[in-house]
Protein backbone atom coordinates (compact mmCIF):
# COMPACT_ATOMS: atom_id res chain seq x y z
CA MET A 1 39.93 0.15 -26.87
CA LEU A 2 40.42 3.78 -27.88
CA HIS A 3 37.29 4.75 -25.93
CA THR A 4 38.02 2.54 -22.90
CA PRO A 5 38.76 4.66 -19.81
CA GLY A 6 42.33 4.25 -18.63
CA ALA A 7 43.70 2.83 -21.92
CA VAL A 8 46.53 4.80 -23.55
CA ASN A 9 48.85 4.22 -26.53
CA VAL A 10 46.35 1.95 -28.30
CA ASN A 11 47.76 0.09 -31.28
CA SER A 12 46.43 -2.53 -33.68
CA SER A 13 48.32 -4.83 -36.01
CA ALA A 14 45.53 -4.48 -38.60
CA VAL A 15 45.90 -0.73 -39.15
CA SER A 16 49.48 0.07 -38.10
CA LEU A 17 51.40 0.70 -41.32
CA SER A 18 55.11 1.26 -40.77
CA PRO A 19 56.38 4.37 -42.62
CA GLN A 20 58.86 3.45 -45.33
CA VAL A 21 60.60 5.42 -48.07
CA GLU A 22 61.98 3.81 -51.21
CA LEU A 23 65.18 5.25 -52.67
CA LEU A 24 65.31 4.96 -56.47
CA PHE A 25 68.88 5.61 -57.61
CA GLN A 26 69.41 7.10 -61.05
CA ARG A 27 72.52 5.30 -62.21
CA ALA A 28 73.32 7.69 -65.02
CA LYS A 29 73.52 10.64 -62.63
CA MET A 30 75.55 8.57 -60.15
CA ARG A 31 78.14 7.78 -62.82
CA ALA A 32 78.26 11.44 -63.80
CA LEU A 33 78.80 12.50 -60.17
CA ASN A 34 81.25 9.65 -59.58
CA VAL A 35 79.21 8.21 -56.64
CA SER A 36 78.98 4.49 -55.87
CA ILE A 37 75.76 2.78 -54.78
CA GLY A 38 77.44 1.32 -51.70
CA THR A 39 78.52 4.76 -50.47
CA ALA A 40 75.04 6.21 -51.01
CA THR A 41 73.21 3.40 -49.24
CA THR A 42 75.67 3.44 -46.34
CA ALA A 43 75.17 7.18 -45.85
CA ALA A 44 71.36 6.89 -45.93
CA ARG A 45 71.39 3.93 -43.58
CA ALA A 46 73.68 5.71 -41.12
CA ALA A 47 71.56 8.85 -41.11
CA PHE A 48 68.29 7.10 -40.29
CA GLY A 49 69.30 3.73 -38.85
CA GLY A 50 72.46 4.83 -37.08
CA ALA A 51 76.02 3.63 -37.40
CA ILE A 52 78.60 2.79 -34.74
CA ALA A 53 81.42 5.31 -35.25
CA THR A 54 83.68 4.23 -32.41
CA GLN A 55 83.71 2.79 -28.92
CA PHE A 56 85.67 3.40 -25.73
CA GLU A 57 86.11 2.00 -22.26
CA SER A 58 84.60 3.73 -19.23
CA PRO A 59 84.12 2.88 -15.53
CA GLN A 60 80.63 1.71 -16.50
CA GLY A 61 81.97 -0.62 -19.21
CA LEU A 62 82.26 -0.48 -22.99
CA ILE A 63 80.37 2.49 -24.51
CA GLN A 64 79.56 2.71 -28.22
CA VAL A 65 79.25 6.03 -30.04
CA GLN A 66 76.38 5.95 -32.52
CA VAL A 67 76.05 8.55 -35.27
CA ILE A 68 72.45 9.25 -36.33
CA TYR A 69 70.34 12.21 -37.42
CA PRO A 70 68.32 14.01 -34.71
CA ARG A 71 64.76 12.77 -34.39
CA ASP A 72 63.24 16.06 -35.58
CA GLN A 73 65.20 15.77 -38.84
CA ARG A 74 63.99 12.30 -39.75
CA ASN A 75 60.37 13.15 -40.65
CA ASP A 76 60.75 15.08 -43.91
CA LEU A 77 61.81 13.90 -47.37
CA SER A 78 63.60 17.20 -47.99
CA THR A 79 65.89 16.42 -45.06
CA ILE A 80 66.69 13.03 -46.58
CA ALA A 81 67.57 14.72 -49.83
CA GLN A 82 70.16 16.86 -48.06
CA ILE A 83 72.23 13.92 -46.75
CA PRO A 84 75.83 14.70 -47.77
CA ILE A 85 77.81 12.01 -49.58
CA ARG A 86 81.48 12.11 -50.51
CA ALA A 87 82.06 11.10 -54.11
CA ASP A 88 84.98 8.99 -55.24
CA ASN A 89 86.79 12.12 -56.47
CA GLY A 90 86.52 13.76 -53.01
CA GLU A 91 83.69 16.18 -53.79
CA ILE A 92 80.55 16.47 -51.60
CA VAL A 93 77.21 15.76 -53.25
CA HIS A 94 73.76 15.26 -51.78
CA LEU A 95 71.51 12.23 -51.86
CA GLY A 96 68.75 14.15 -53.63
CA ASP A 97 71.03 14.95 -56.58
CA PHE A 98 70.73 11.43 -57.98
CA THR A 99 67.84 9.82 -56.05
CA THR A 100 64.06 9.79 -56.38
CA PHE A 101 62.03 9.28 -53.17
CA ARG A 102 58.69 7.51 -52.92
CA TRP A 103 56.54 6.82 -49.85
CA SER A 104 55.82 3.08 -49.60
CA PRO A 105 54.25 2.11 -46.26
CA THR A 106 54.92 -1.46 -45.22
CA PRO A 107 51.75 -3.58 -45.48
CA PRO A 108 50.44 -5.08 -42.23
CA LEU A 109 51.63 -8.52 -41.25
CA ILE A 110 48.87 -11.13 -41.34
CA THR A 111 49.25 -13.53 -38.41
CA ARG A 112 47.44 -16.86 -38.27
CA VAL A 113 47.07 -19.32 -35.38
CA ASN A 114 45.49 -22.71 -36.13
CA ARG A 115 44.48 -21.36 -39.56
CA ASN A 116 42.61 -18.46 -37.98
CA THR A 117 43.56 -14.86 -38.72
CA VAL A 118 44.70 -13.08 -35.56
CA ILE A 119 44.76 -9.31 -34.98
CA ASP A 120 46.68 -8.03 -31.97
CA VAL A 121 45.22 -4.99 -30.21
CA SER A 122 47.53 -3.65 -27.53
CA ALA A 123 47.46 -0.71 -25.12
CA ASN A 124 49.00 0.53 -21.90
CA PHE A 125 47.03 1.62 -18.87
CA ALA A 126 47.32 5.07 -17.38
CA PRO A 127 49.12 5.53 -14.03
CA SER A 128 45.81 6.52 -12.41
CA SER A 129 44.17 3.25 -13.52
CA SER A 130 44.95 -0.46 -13.23
CA LEU A 131 45.13 -3.41 -15.61
CA SER A 132 42.07 -5.14 -14.16
CA ASN A 133 39.89 -2.01 -14.42
CA VAL A 134 40.88 -1.41 -18.03
CA GLN A 135 40.33 -5.08 -18.87
CA ASN A 136 36.86 -5.17 -17.31
CA ALA A 137 35.80 -1.94 -19.02
CA PHE A 138 37.13 -3.19 -22.36
CA MET A 139 35.35 -6.55 -22.14
CA GLN A 140 32.08 -4.78 -21.28
CA ARG A 141 32.39 -2.65 -24.40
CA VAL A 142 33.21 -5.73 -26.49
CA ALA A 143 30.14 -7.55 -25.17
CA ALA A 144 27.98 -4.59 -26.18
CA LEU A 145 29.18 -4.92 -29.81
CA HIS A 146 27.41 -8.31 -30.26
CA LEU A 147 30.17 -9.62 -32.52
CA PRO A 148 29.52 -12.67 -34.76
CA LYS A 149 30.32 -16.07 -33.32
CA ASN A 150 33.29 -16.57 -35.64
CA ILE A 151 35.06 -13.57 -34.03
CA GLN A 152 36.63 -14.22 -30.64
CA VAL A 153 38.22 -11.63 -28.36
CA ARG A 154 40.56 -13.11 -25.79
CA PRO A 155 43.87 -12.26 -24.09
CA ARG A 156 47.04 -12.84 -26.04
CA PRO A 157 49.00 -15.88 -24.76
CA ASN A 158 51.66 -14.80 -22.24
CA GLY A 159 50.41 -11.22 -22.42
CA SER A 160 49.67 -9.03 -19.42
CA GLN A 161 46.01 -10.06 -19.32
CA ASP A 162 46.78 -13.74 -19.69
CA LEU A 163 49.44 -13.65 -16.96
CA MET A 164 47.07 -11.78 -14.65
CA ASN A 165 44.33 -14.36 -15.23
CA GLN A 166 46.79 -17.18 -14.52
CA THR A 167 47.87 -15.44 -11.31
CA LEU A 168 44.29 -14.96 -10.12
CA THR A 169 43.40 -18.56 -10.93
CA GLY A 170 46.47 -19.99 -9.23
CA LEU A 171 46.24 -17.88 -6.09
CA GLY A 172 42.46 -18.32 -5.91
CA SER A 173 42.95 -22.08 -5.94
CA SER A 174 45.70 -21.74 -3.33
CA LEU A 175 43.39 -19.71 -1.10
CA VAL A 176 40.61 -22.30 -1.27
CA LEU A 177 43.07 -25.14 -0.77
CA SER A 178 44.66 -23.43 2.25
CA ILE A 179 41.27 -23.01 3.92
CA VAL A 180 40.40 -26.66 3.29
CA LEU A 181 43.76 -27.92 4.56
CA VAL A 182 43.60 -25.80 7.72
CA PHE A 183 40.08 -27.04 8.41
CA LEU A 184 40.99 -30.71 7.84
CA LEU A 185 44.09 -30.38 10.03
CA MET A 186 42.03 -29.03 12.91
CA VAL A 187 39.40 -31.73 12.38
CA ALA A 188 42.12 -34.33 12.81
CA LEU A 189 43.49 -32.61 15.92
CA TYR A 190 40.16 -31.95 17.63
CA ASN A 191 38.50 -35.15 16.40
CA SER A 192 35.43 -33.02 15.77
CA TYR A 193 33.85 -30.90 13.06
CA ARG A 194 32.18 -28.29 15.23
CA SER A 195 35.21 -26.71 16.90
CA PRO A 196 37.17 -26.30 13.62
CA LEU A 197 34.08 -24.83 11.97
CA ILE A 198 33.77 -22.25 14.77
CA ILE A 199 37.46 -21.39 14.49
CA MET A 200 37.22 -20.88 10.72
CA PHE A 201 34.84 -17.95 11.25
CA SER A 202 37.93 -15.89 12.11
CA VAL A 203 38.96 -15.98 8.42
CA PRO A 204 36.10 -13.82 7.00
CA VAL A 205 36.72 -11.07 9.55
CA ALA A 206 40.37 -10.98 8.47
CA ALA A 207 39.32 -10.61 4.83
CA VAL A 208 37.24 -7.58 5.80
CA GLY A 209 40.27 -5.90 7.34
CA ALA A 210 42.55 -6.85 4.43
CA LEU A 211 40.26 -5.37 1.78
CA GLY A 212 39.56 -2.35 3.96
CA ALA A 213 43.28 -1.68 4.37
CA LEU A 214 43.76 -1.83 0.59
CA ALA A 215 40.90 0.64 0.12
CA LEU A 216 42.27 3.06 2.73
CA THR A 217 45.78 3.02 1.25
CA HIS A 218 44.48 3.17 -2.38
CA GLU A 219 46.34 0.01 -3.35
CA THR A 220 45.18 -2.70 -5.73
CA LEU A 221 44.49 -6.39 -5.28
CA ASN A 222 47.65 -7.64 -7.00
CA LEU A 223 49.99 -10.62 -6.76
CA PHE A 224 51.54 -9.58 -3.44
CA SER A 225 48.26 -8.65 -1.78
CA LEU A 226 46.82 -12.03 -2.80
CA ILE A 227 49.87 -13.75 -1.29
CA GLY A 228 49.20 -11.83 1.92
CA THR A 229 45.58 -12.98 1.87
CA VAL A 230 46.69 -16.60 1.65
CA MET A 231 49.07 -16.02 4.55
CA LEU A 232 46.23 -14.61 6.67
CA VAL A 233 44.38 -17.93 6.56
CA GLY A 234 47.09 -19.52 8.67
CA ILE A 235 47.79 -16.47 10.83
CA VAL A 236 44.34 -15.35 11.97
CA THR A 237 43.06 -18.80 12.86
CA LYS A 238 45.35 -18.73 15.92
CA ASN A 239 42.93 -16.25 17.59
CA GLY A 240 40.02 -18.63 17.18
CA ILE A 241 42.14 -21.56 18.32
CA LEU A 242 43.10 -19.74 21.53
CA LEU A 243 39.48 -18.96 22.33
CA VAL A 244 37.82 -22.24 21.40
CA ASP A 245 40.52 -24.53 22.80
CA TYR A 246 40.53 -22.87 26.22
CA ALA A 247 36.72 -22.72 26.27
CA ASN A 248 36.60 -26.48 25.64
CA THR A 249 39.11 -27.01 28.44
CA LEU A 250 36.93 -25.03 30.85
CA ARG A 251 33.87 -27.00 29.84
CA ARG A 252 35.68 -30.24 30.61
CA HIS A 253 36.09 -28.89 34.13
CA GLY A 254 32.36 -28.33 34.50
CA ARG A 255 31.73 -24.77 33.19
CA ASN A 256 28.61 -24.16 31.17
CA LYS A 257 28.87 -22.91 27.58
CA LEU A 258 28.35 -19.19 28.22
CA ARG A 259 30.63 -19.00 31.23
CA ALA A 260 33.34 -20.99 29.46
CA ILE A 261 33.51 -18.76 26.36
CA VAL A 262 33.35 -15.54 28.41
CA GLU A 263 36.13 -16.67 30.71
CA SER A 264 38.15 -17.86 27.71
CA ALA A 265 37.86 -14.46 26.00
CA TYR A 266 38.90 -12.71 29.22
CA THR A 267 41.88 -15.01 29.83
CA ARG A 268 43.10 -15.27 26.23
CA PHE A 269 42.72 -11.56 25.44
CA ARG A 270 46.31 -10.76 26.45
CA PRO A 271 47.98 -13.53 24.37
CA ILE A 272 45.83 -12.57 21.38
CA VAL A 273 46.85 -8.92 21.67
CA MET A 274 50.53 -9.80 22.11
CA THR A 275 50.71 -12.07 19.07
CA SER A 276 48.70 -9.64 16.91
CA VAL A 277 50.86 -6.66 17.84
CA SER A 278 54.05 -8.60 17.11
CA VAL A 279 52.80 -9.56 13.64
CA VAL A 280 51.70 -5.97 12.91
CA ALA A 281 55.05 -4.55 14.08
CA GLY A 282 56.96 -7.00 11.90
CA ASN A 283 55.03 -5.97 8.78
CA ILE A 284 55.15 -2.20 9.27
CA PRO A 285 58.52 -1.76 7.44
CA LEU A 286 57.17 -3.79 4.52
CA ALA A 287 53.95 -1.77 4.35
CA LEU A 288 55.77 1.58 4.54
CA ALA A 289 58.12 0.56 1.68
CA LEU A 290 61.15 2.15 3.30
CA GLU A 291 63.66 0.64 0.87
CA PRO A 292 63.93 1.90 -2.75
CA GLY A 293 61.91 -0.26 -5.12
CA SER A 294 59.99 -2.01 -2.32
CA SER A 295 56.71 -0.17 -2.96
CA VAL A 296 55.62 -2.96 -5.29
CA ARG A 297 55.57 -5.34 -2.29
CA SER A 298 53.99 -2.92 0.19
CA SER A 299 50.49 -4.27 -0.45
CA LEU A 300 51.53 -7.58 1.15
CA GLY A 301 52.31 -5.86 4.45
CA THR A 302 49.17 -3.72 4.16
CA VAL A 303 46.96 -6.78 3.75
CA VAL A 304 48.55 -8.61 6.68
CA ILE A 305 48.28 -5.59 8.99
CA GLY A 306 44.66 -4.90 8.06
CA GLY A 307 43.65 -8.54 8.43
CA ILE A 308 45.38 -8.93 11.81
CA LEU A 309 43.83 -5.76 13.26
CA SER A 310 40.31 -6.65 12.14
CA SER A 311 40.77 -10.20 13.40
CA LEU A 312 41.99 -8.86 16.75
CA PHE A 313 38.76 -7.00 17.42
CA LEU A 314 36.10 -8.89 15.44
CA THR A 315 37.22 -12.40 16.39
CA LEU A 316 36.51 -11.62 20.07
CA VAL A 317 32.92 -10.88 19.04
CA LEU A 318 32.11 -13.27 16.17
CA VAL A 319 33.80 -16.44 17.45
CA PRO A 320 32.03 -16.36 20.88
CA ILE A 321 28.69 -15.82 19.13
CA MET A 322 29.30 -18.75 16.79
CA TYR A 323 30.48 -20.81 19.77
CA MET A 324 27.16 -20.22 21.53
CA TRP A 325 25.28 -21.29 18.40
CA LEU A 326 27.30 -24.26 17.18
CA ALA A 327 29.06 -25.73 20.23
CA PRO A 328 27.33 -28.75 21.80
CA ALA A 329 25.14 -28.03 24.82
CA ARG A 330 26.88 -30.67 26.93
CA PHE A 331 30.39 -32.07 26.78
CA PRO A 332 30.72 -35.88 26.86
CA ALA A 333 33.68 -35.60 29.21
CA VAL A 334 31.55 -33.92 31.90
CA GLU A 335 28.87 -36.56 31.61
CA ALA A 336 31.46 -39.34 31.82
CA ALA A 337 33.16 -37.82 34.84
CA ALA A 338 29.93 -37.45 36.85
CA PRO A 339 29.40 -41.21 37.60
CA ARG A 340 33.03 -41.57 38.77
CA ALA A 341 32.38 -38.98 41.46
CA HIS A 342 29.83 -41.35 43.10
CA GLY A 343 31.93 -44.46 42.67
CA VAL A 344 29.91 -45.77 39.74
CA PRO A 345 32.04 -47.02 36.81
CA ALA A 346 31.55 -45.17 33.54
CA HIS A 347 30.51 -47.11 30.48
CA ALA A 348 31.66 -46.20 27.01
């Protein structure tokens, strides 16, 4: 972890020994100086652990005044020895006059889960990096170590890595489920598999724009950007629906496949542009993060804007091409309407 790019403040529970100093009071000297053990321990504790001297009310609420030594004076044993203590007779003595100091680091805490020894290795990631990049680089270095099978390296439960993995798994499942539900809904409405399949080709072109927008704005694929990706599945399919539905209507009136999709793209271009521009305009304030603290959610607006813009232009190209490939050559409604024109009854 120390050599993983982007990892800072690396710490391990196996090697982190907490600094600790033992105070050995010499009782004979304390009796001679007329100092009690309680007074000495209270003074030492206040100097290094802090003590609440008083408190007062303020417009911001109750404020406590804590007395404690400055940080730069809490790293040397000679400073500890100079802690002043008032004896019972009123005189001022120092802690080092009757105390012996000894460094005694606290031993590491051994943690076990299911009878297995667990060592926690933690780190923060630098502002120029991201959690996913640091995690991937770290796991690659771990794999190169070829550790024994009885040693497992995995995210700590409810840690940052574990929560990120849960988020990716949950939103990934939601994305797949949303695509399936949208497809099945259109199958039920169109009573066909071909038209919904053609319409669903508008989703990949939206993903291209969403990822491209994140790359241009130097934002990461996080919780909010994944939520925006799931939203795009329902938003961008409206472009394909406008094209395919009107093309099918034209074919029921006798147009051939090429003429129907071309006329549909020409007629539906204006509604597609209007709906796309309205969605983009509504997400611009979110993407710009105009409010304080809203920058964490700006990736959601960025994803939606990028996906809508790419869908606006690429859907008008990809969906007609897929329509020419996958749509049936002849519509049953045209064939059924032809006999009625000559007075011959149509048979189911």
